[in-house]
Amino acid sequence: MIYLDSAATSFLKPPCVAQAVVDAMHTVGSPGRGAHPLTLAASRTVWACREAVAELLGAYDPARVCFTPNSTVALNTAICGLYGPGDHVITTALEHNSVLRPLYRLEEQGMELTILPADETGNIDYEDFARALRPNTRGVVCTHASNVTGNTLDLGRIGAFCGAHNLTFVVDASQSAGVLEVNQQAVGASVVCFTGHKGLLGPQGTGGLSVAPDVTLRPLVVGGSGVHSYDRRHPQDLPEGLEAGTLNACGLAGLLAGITYIRDQGRENLYRQEMKLAQAFVNGVRSLPGVTLYGDVDAPNRTAVVSLNLGEEDAGEVADVLAQEFGICTRAGAHCAPLIHEALGTSARGAVRFSFSHLNTPQEVAQAVDAVADLAGRI
């Protein structure tokens, strides 16, 4: 099997991640729920993970790194905790449904929404931000990197716009955390949302959000927090204020191992390896008859995501043949990002997404190129 679906989840992981989860299952209790050795071990693991995330993301304070089961919950927490009826929010056509659907729901409740369009290469016009500004504009919510094209947005430029107009800035770093440089303080992001199981190489069921010191969020979920149990209201101080219920301490142990691995190997080094593989794939398929590549595949600072179609073939059927005949795992369809597919003209059939890890090999990439060439020869 050749796994080329890392944008969905990092199935290829360093062995230390699985070992950390197994070790934690035998050594930690419930974090923040008591003071016996097992709960203290859990709390230390969770705090070490907060520190590792904060360092990697350029966060303001480890205590303001709050864990959730994934970036979807983190984004819902940020979006629903910041905006409401009467507010105006700006987003882009590059977004995943984890951004779009919370915004659509708030729009139904009286929030105003502007979605900046993307062109046929999946890029936006940054001047559209100023054109979209209204007196009641309260914030910008956008992805760092498209999960369909690999195109990235200039967070520094968007953050400067938000700072100049006193807007909150929510960043979806689901596809970029652990892959590209994400520096919350440098770009002035109010909230950075991340998932643990993709570029951070951790287990599924981990993720979170880093909240700037001047930002207050209404909690999405309330309940047990381990502190102030006699209060009728959920605690407001972070991180407990956004962490109702028992944390996934075993998963966070694995996430800590993944981040430690990235730090030790060098994020930039791992990124260069991924992009070398992705570029080799692009170079191998771009001139094949019937192959259409999507996005700005030669742009700098993109992620190792390459989406394509073959002739007029349905993307799902192509992905099925790749899996069944060649043992190559890809992701076909709309990728939970409908608006970018509208911009690319692929709404009807989707696209086949190849996404690469530094743990893939050049030989696997060559086999993938050969498989695409084989299929291109059949149409």
Protein backbone atom coordinates (compact mmCIF):
# COMPACT_ATOMS: atom_id res chain seq x y z
CA MET A 1 0.00 0.00 0.00
CA ILE A 2 1.16 3.52 -0.84
CA TYR A 3 -0.41 6.11 1.45
CA LEU A 4 -0.79 9.50 -0.25
CA ASP A 5 -3.61 10.92 1.88
CA SER A 6 -1.76 12.78 4.61
CA ALA A 7 -3.97 15.86 4.24
CA ALA A 8 -6.79 13.72 5.63
CA THR A 9 -4.76 12.20 8.46
CA SER A 10 -1.12 11.35 9.05
CA PHE A 11 -1.44 7.58 8.87
CA LEU A 12 2.35 7.50 8.44
CA LYS A 13 3.66 8.44 11.89
CA PRO A 14 6.97 8.09 13.69
CA PRO A 15 6.92 5.06 16.04
CA CYS A 16 7.41 7.30 19.08
CA VAL A 17 3.82 8.57 18.76
CA ALA A 18 2.15 5.17 19.16
CA GLN A 19 4.57 4.26 21.94
CA ALA A 20 3.75 7.43 23.85
CA VAL A 21 0.02 6.64 23.68
CA VAL A 22 0.55 3.08 24.90
CA ASP A 23 2.83 4.23 27.72
CA ALA A 24 0.30 6.85 28.81
CA MET A 25 -2.48 4.27 28.95
CA HIS A 26 -0.46 2.51 31.66
CA THR A 27 0.81 5.53 33.57
CA VAL A 28 -1.70 8.43 33.62
CA GLY A 29 -5.05 9.08 35.25
CA SER A 30 -7.49 11.96 34.83
CA PRO A 31 -5.73 15.32 34.47
CA GLY A 32 -6.76 18.02 36.94
CA ARG A 33 -8.94 15.66 38.96
CA GLY A 34 -7.07 15.14 42.20
CA ALA A 35 -3.50 15.00 43.49
CA HIS A 36 -2.55 11.33 43.51
CA PRO A 37 0.39 10.18 41.37
CA LEU A 38 -1.63 9.13 38.32
CA THR A 39 -3.57 12.39 38.05
CA LEU A 40 -0.38 14.39 38.57
CA ALA A 41 1.32 12.39 35.81
CA ALA A 42 -1.60 13.18 33.51
CA SER A 43 -1.52 16.88 34.39
CA ARG A 44 2.22 17.07 33.73
CA THR A 45 1.76 15.40 30.35
CA VAL A 46 -1.02 17.79 29.38
CA TRP A 47 0.96 20.84 30.51
CA ALA A 48 4.04 19.67 28.60
CA CYS A 49 1.85 19.35 25.51
CA ARG A 50 0.51 22.88 26.04
CA GLU A 51 4.08 24.18 26.20
CA ALA A 52 5.07 22.27 23.05
CA VAL A 53 2.06 23.59 21.10
CA ALA A 54 2.69 27.14 22.33
CA GLU A 55 6.32 27.03 21.22
CA LEU A 56 5.47 25.58 17.81
CA LEU A 57 2.65 28.03 17.09
CA GLY A 58 4.29 31.15 18.51
CA ALA A 59 1.47 31.36 21.04
CA TYR A 60 1.22 34.00 23.73
CA ASP A 61 0.90 31.73 26.74
CA PRO A 62 0.77 27.93 27.21
CA ALA A 63 -2.09 28.43 29.68
CA ARG A 64 -4.14 29.87 26.81
CA VAL A 65 -3.66 26.77 24.65
CA CYS A 66 -6.93 24.90 25.11
CA PHE A 67 -7.44 21.35 23.91
CA THR A 68 -10.40 19.99 21.96
CA PRO A 69 -11.04 16.69 20.13
CA ASN A 70 -10.17 18.27 16.74
CA SER A 71 -9.99 21.52 14.82
CA THR A 72 -13.71 21.37 13.98
CA VAL A 73 -14.60 21.77 17.65
CA ALA A 74 -11.88 24.39 18.04
CA LEU A 75 -13.23 26.42 15.11
CA ASN A 76 -16.81 26.15 16.36
CA THR A 77 -15.61 27.31 19.77
CA ALA A 78 -13.80 30.31 18.31
CA ILE A 79 -16.45 31.34 15.78
CA CYS A 80 -19.48 30.85 18.02
CA GLY A 81 -17.61 32.33 20.97
CA LEU A 82 -16.75 35.56 19.20
CA TYR A 83 -19.57 36.45 16.82
CA GLY A 84 -23.32 36.79 16.90
CA PRO A 85 -26.35 38.60 15.47
CA GLY A 86 -25.55 42.05 14.10
CA ASP A 87 -21.87 41.30 13.57
CA HIS A 88 -20.28 41.14 10.11
CA VAL A 89 -17.56 38.55 9.43
CA ILE A 90 -15.30 38.12 6.39
CA THR A 91 -14.08 34.72 5.19
CA THR A 92 -12.85 33.22 1.91
CA ALA A 93 -13.88 30.64 -0.68
CA LEU A 94 -10.90 28.50 0.32
CA GLU A 95 -12.53 27.41 3.54
CA HIS A 96 -13.38 23.95 4.84
CA ASN A 97 -16.91 23.31 6.06
CA SER A 98 -15.55 23.45 9.62
CA VAL A 99 -15.35 27.20 9.03
CA LEU A 100 -18.25 27.65 6.63
CA ARG A 101 -20.98 25.77 8.46
CA PRO A 102 -20.60 27.54 11.82
CA LEU A 103 -20.63 30.83 9.92
CA TYR A 104 -23.69 29.82 7.90
CA ARG A 105 -25.52 28.88 11.07
CA LEU A 106 -24.69 32.23 12.66
CA GLU A 107 -25.79 33.94 9.46
CA GLU A 108 -29.19 32.27 9.86
CA GLN A 109 -29.32 33.79 13.36
CA GLY A 110 -28.66 37.34 12.15
CA MET A 111 -24.92 37.60 11.58
CA GLU A 112 -23.78 39.11 8.27
CA LEU A 113 -21.24 37.20 6.18
CA THR A 114 -19.01 38.09 3.25
CA ILE A 115 -17.14 35.33 1.41
CA LEU A 116 -14.22 36.58 -0.69
CA PRO A 117 -14.05 34.76 -4.04
CA ALA A 118 -11.15 32.72 -5.37
CA ASP A 119 -9.99 32.72 -8.97
CA GLU A 120 -9.54 29.68 -11.20
CA THR A 121 -6.14 28.95 -9.62
CA GLY A 122 -7.59 29.04 -6.11
CA ASN A 123 -6.09 32.41 -5.14
CA ILE A 124 -7.84 35.42 -3.62
CA ASP A 125 -7.47 39.15 -4.21
CA TYR A 126 -6.27 40.69 -0.94
CA GLU A 127 -7.77 44.04 -1.90
CA ASP A 128 -11.16 42.36 -1.45
CA PHE A 129 -10.71 42.53 2.32
CA ALA A 130 -10.84 46.33 2.27
CA ARG A 131 -13.71 46.30 -0.21
CA ALA A 132 -15.69 44.00 2.11
CA LEU A 133 -15.23 46.17 5.20
CA ARG A 134 -18.41 47.49 6.83
CA PRO A 135 -19.08 49.58 9.94
CA ASN A 136 -20.18 46.42 11.81
CA THR A 137 -17.32 44.19 10.64
CA ARG A 138 -16.04 42.33 13.68
CA GLY A 139 -13.58 39.79 12.34
CA VAL A 140 -11.91 37.66 9.69
CA VAL A 141 -11.92 33.87 9.74
CA CYS A 142 -9.69 32.09 7.22
CA THR A 143 -7.58 29.06 6.54
CA HIS A 144 -3.82 29.18 6.34
CA ALA A 145 -3.59 26.51 3.64
CA SER A 146 -6.25 25.04 1.35
CA ASN A 147 -6.88 21.34 1.85
CA VAL A 148 -7.75 21.06 -1.87
CA THR A 149 -5.03 22.99 -3.70
CA GLY A 150 -2.26 23.45 -1.14
CA ASN A 151 -2.39 27.20 -1.81
CA THR A 152 -1.62 29.34 1.23
CA LEU A 153 -2.88 32.69 2.44
CA ASP A 154 -0.57 35.47 3.64
CA LEU A 155 -1.46 35.53 7.33
CA GLY A 156 0.82 38.48 8.00
CA ARG A 157 -0.97 40.60 5.44
CA ILE A 158 -4.42 39.60 6.69
CA GLY A 159 -3.37 40.08 10.29
CA ALA A 160 -2.13 43.59 9.51
CA PHE A 161 -5.50 44.40 7.94
CA CYS A 162 -7.29 43.11 11.03
CA GLY A 163 -5.01 45.07 13.33
CA ALA A 164 -5.54 48.28 11.37
CA HIS A 165 -9.31 47.94 11.68
CA ASN A 166 -9.54 46.49 15.20
CA LEU A 167 -10.91 43.16 13.98
CA THR A 168 -10.54 39.74 15.54
CA PHE A 169 -8.58 37.28 13.41
CA VAL A 170 -9.30 33.55 13.57
CA VAL A 171 -6.87 31.26 11.74
CA ASP A 172 -7.64 27.68 10.69
CA ALA A 173 -4.22 26.02 10.82
CA SER A 174 -5.55 22.49 10.26
CA GLN A 175 -3.41 21.97 7.16
CA SER A 176 -0.41 24.06 8.21
CA ALA A 177 0.39 23.42 11.89
CA GLY A 178 3.59 21.40 12.00
CA VAL A 179 4.18 21.94 8.27
CA LEU A 180 4.49 25.69 7.66
CA GLU A 181 5.59 28.40 10.03
CA VAL A 182 2.63 29.47 12.15
CA ASN A 183 3.44 32.34 14.48
CA GLN A 184 0.38 33.63 16.29
CA GLN A 185 2.11 36.62 17.83
CA ALA A 186 3.88 37.66 14.63
CA VAL A 187 0.70 37.70 12.52
CA GLY A 188 -1.50 39.10 15.29
CA ALA A 189 -3.98 36.23 15.27
CA SER A 190 -6.68 36.37 17.92
CA VAL A 191 -7.20 32.60 17.80
CA VAL A 192 -5.28 29.85 16.04
CA CYS A 193 -7.15 26.56 15.66
CA PHE A 194 -5.27 23.33 15.01
CA THR A 195 -5.75 19.61 14.77
CA GLY A 196 -3.32 17.07 16.15
CA HIS A 197 -3.64 14.22 13.69
CA LYS A 198 -2.37 15.84 10.48
CA GLY A 199 0.86 17.83 10.26
CA LEU A 200 1.49 17.52 14.00
CA LEU A 201 1.67 13.70 13.58
CA GLY A 202 -0.41 13.02 16.69
CA PRO A 203 -3.40 10.72 17.20
CA GLN A 204 -6.91 11.43 16.05
CA GLY A 205 -9.06 12.93 18.79
CA THR A 206 -6.60 15.73 19.55
CA GLY A 207 -6.63 19.40 18.61
CA GLY A 208 -7.24 22.78 20.11
CA LEU A 209 -7.01 26.54 19.93
CA SER A 210 -4.54 29.14 21.13
CA VAL A 211 -6.26 32.28 22.38
CA ALA A 212 -4.62 35.71 22.54
CA PRO A 213 -4.61 37.48 25.95
CA ASP A 214 -7.04 40.21 24.88
CA VAL A 215 -9.65 37.76 23.55
CA THR A 216 -12.59 36.38 25.53
CA LEU A 217 -14.60 33.49 24.13
CA ARG A 218 -18.02 32.26 25.17
CA PRO A 219 -17.53 28.53 25.85
CA LEU A 220 -19.17 26.17 23.39
CA VAL A 221 -19.56 23.42 26.01
CA VAL A 222 -19.85 23.70 29.80
CA GLY A 223 -19.68 21.07 32.50
CA GLY A 224 -17.04 19.46 34.67
CA SER A 225 -13.76 21.31 34.81
CA GLY A 226 -12.00 19.96 37.89
CA VAL A 227 -12.17 23.38 39.60
CA HIS A 228 -14.88 25.56 41.22
CA SER A 229 -17.29 22.64 41.32
CA TYR A 230 -19.81 24.47 43.52
CA ASP A 231 -20.22 27.36 41.11
CA ARG A 232 -23.30 27.30 38.91
CA ARG A 233 -21.37 28.88 36.05
CA HIS A 234 -18.51 27.27 34.20
CA PRO A 235 -15.06 28.75 35.04
CA GLN A 236 -13.99 31.61 32.80
CA ASP A 237 -10.23 31.40 33.26
CA LEU A 238 -8.28 29.50 30.62
CA PRO A 239 -7.56 26.77 29.89
CA GLU A 240 -10.39 25.26 31.98
CA GLY A 241 -12.89 27.76 30.59
CA LEU A 242 -12.76 26.04 27.17
CA GLU A 243 -12.07 22.50 28.32
CA ALA A 244 -15.28 21.09 29.80
CA GLY A 245 -14.99 17.37 30.48
CA THR A 246 -12.03 15.02 30.77
CA LEU A 247 -9.18 15.64 28.37
CA ASN A 248 -7.74 12.94 26.14
CA ALA A 249 -4.52 12.63 28.14
CA CYS A 250 -3.35 9.54 26.27
CA GLY A 251 -3.92 11.22 22.93
CA LEU A 252 -2.15 14.36 24.12
CA ALA A 253 0.81 12.23 25.15
CA GLY A 254 0.95 11.07 21.54
CA LEU A 255 0.57 14.63 20.28
CA LEU A 256 3.44 15.72 22.50
CA ALA A 257 5.57 12.95 21.01
CA GLY A 258 4.65 14.06 17.49
CA ILE A 259 5.55 17.68 18.16
CA THR A 260 8.78 16.64 19.87
CA TYR A 261 9.68 14.58 16.80
CA ILE A 262 9.01 17.58 14.53
CA ARG A 263 11.16 19.79 16.74
CA ASP A 264 14.02 17.28 16.83
CA GLN A 265 13.95 16.61 13.08
CA GLY A 266 13.41 20.26 12.20
CA ARG A 267 10.09 21.41 10.81
CA GLU A 268 11.75 23.17 7.88
CA ASN A 269 13.71 20.03 7.02
CA LEU A 270 10.60 17.86 7.03
CA TYR A 271 8.77 20.44 4.93
CA ARG A 272 11.55 20.47 2.32
CA GLN A 273 11.36 16.67 2.09
CA GLU A 274 7.59 16.76 1.58
CA MET A 275 7.76 19.46 -1.06
CA LYS A 276 10.53 17.66 -2.94
CA LEU A 277 8.26 14.64 -3.22
CA ALA A 278 5.22 16.72 -4.18
CA GLN A 279 7.16 18.62 -6.84
CA ALA A 280 8.51 15.37 -8.29
CA PHE A 281 4.93 14.16 -8.61
CA VAL A 282 3.81 17.43 -10.24
CA ASN A 283 6.71 17.29 -12.70
CA GLY A 284 5.89 13.69 -13.54
CA VAL A 285 2.19 14.16 -14.29
CA ARG A 286 1.81 17.74 -15.51
CA SER A 287 2.51 16.95 -19.17
CA LEU A 288 0.50 13.73 -19.35
CA PRO A 289 -2.39 13.88 -21.82
CA GLY A 290 -5.74 14.48 -20.17
CA VAL A 291 -4.30 15.48 -16.79
CA THR A 292 -5.58 18.73 -15.27
CA LEU A 293 -3.80 20.06 -12.18
CA TYR A 294 -5.57 22.46 -9.82
CA GLY A 295 -4.19 25.31 -7.78
CA ASP A 296 -0.97 27.26 -8.11
CA VAL A 297 1.30 24.21 -8.15
CA ASP A 298 4.52 26.20 -8.65
CA ALA A 299 3.86 28.78 -5.94
CA PRO A 300 6.27 29.05 -3.00
CA ASN A 301 5.20 28.30 0.57
CA ARG A 302 2.47 25.89 -0.46
CA THR A 303 1.77 22.54 1.15
CA ALA A 304 2.45 19.10 -0.31
CA VAL A 305 -1.07 18.74 -1.72
CA VAL A 306 -1.69 18.07 -5.41
CA SER A 307 -5.21 17.72 -6.82
CA LEU A 308 -5.95 16.61 -10.35
CA ASN A 309 -8.46 15.10 -12.73
CA LEU A 310 -8.12 12.78 -15.72
CA GLY A 311 -10.06 13.77 -18.82
CA GLU A 312 -13.75 13.80 -18.04
CA GLU A 313 -13.52 10.87 -15.63
CA ASP A 314 -15.28 11.01 -12.29
CA ALA A 315 -12.76 11.67 -9.51
CA GLY A 316 -14.24 9.00 -7.26
CA GLU A 317 -13.89 6.35 -9.95
CA VAL A 318 -10.27 7.34 -10.58
CA ALA A 319 -9.47 7.12 -6.87
CA ASP A 320 -11.13 3.70 -6.67
CA VAL A 321 -8.98 2.37 -9.52
CA LEU A 322 -5.85 3.83 -7.92
CA ALA A 323 -6.67 1.99 -4.71
CA GLN A 324 -7.84 -1.31 -6.18
CA GLU A 325 -5.36 -1.75 -9.03
CA PHE A 326 -2.32 0.11 -7.77
CA GLY A 327 -2.69 0.10 -3.97
CA ILE A 328 -2.47 3.89 -3.84
CA CYS A 329 -4.54 5.70 -1.20
CA THR A 330 -5.83 9.14 -2.23
CA ARG A 331 -8.88 11.25 -1.44
CA ALA A 332 -11.48 12.10 -4.07
CA GLY A 333 -14.58 14.26 -3.99
CA ALA A 334 -15.33 17.70 -2.61
CA HIS A 335 -12.98 17.43 0.38
CA CYS A 336 -15.53 19.25 2.60
CA ALA A 337 -14.56 22.48 0.82
CA PRO A 338 -17.36 23.18 -1.67
CA LEU A 339 -16.61 26.80 -2.54
CA ILE A 340 -13.06 26.20 -3.75
CA HIS A 341 -14.38 23.46 -6.01
CA GLU A 342 -16.86 25.95 -7.45
CA ALA A 343 -13.95 28.30 -8.18
CA LEU A 344 -11.93 25.50 -9.79
CA GLY A 345 -14.88 24.28 -11.84
CA THR A 346 -14.84 20.83 -10.24
CA SER A 347 -18.13 20.87 -8.34
CA ALA A 348 -19.73 18.19 -10.50
CA ARG A 349 -17.06 15.51 -10.19
CA GLY A 350 -14.65 16.68 -7.50
CA ALA A 351 -10.93 16.06 -7.81
CA VAL A 352 -8.39 13.41 -6.85
CA ARG A 353 -6.10 14.67 -4.09
CA PHE A 354 -2.59 13.33 -3.57
CA SER A 355 -1.01 14.56 -0.33
CA PHE A 356 2.53 13.68 0.65
CA SER A 357 4.43 13.03 3.87
CA HIS A 358 8.15 13.19 4.51
CA LEU A 359 7.80 9.50 5.36
CA ASN A 360 6.85 8.70 1.77
CA THR A 361 9.68 7.66 -0.54
CA PRO A 362 10.77 8.74 -4.03
CA GLN A 363 9.98 5.22 -5.21
CA GLU A 364 6.38 5.59 -4.03
CA VAL A 365 6.08 8.90 -5.86
CA ALA A 366 7.45 7.31 -9.03
CA GLN A 367 4.88 4.52 -8.73
CA ALA A 368 2.12 7.10 -8.33
CA VAL A 369 3.29 8.93 -11.46
CA ASP A 370 3.35 5.64 -13.36
CA ALA A 371 -0.18 4.84 -12.17
CA VAL A 372 -1.52 8.21 -13.32
CA ALA A 373 0.25 7.75 -16.65
CA ASP A 374 -1.33 4.31 -17.02
CA LEU A 375 -4.80 5.71 -16.36
CA ALA A 376 -4.20 8.70 -18.62
CA GLY A 377 -3.38 6.28 -21.41
CA ARG A 378 -6.77 4.60 -21.04
CA ILE A 379 -8.94 7.69 -21.54
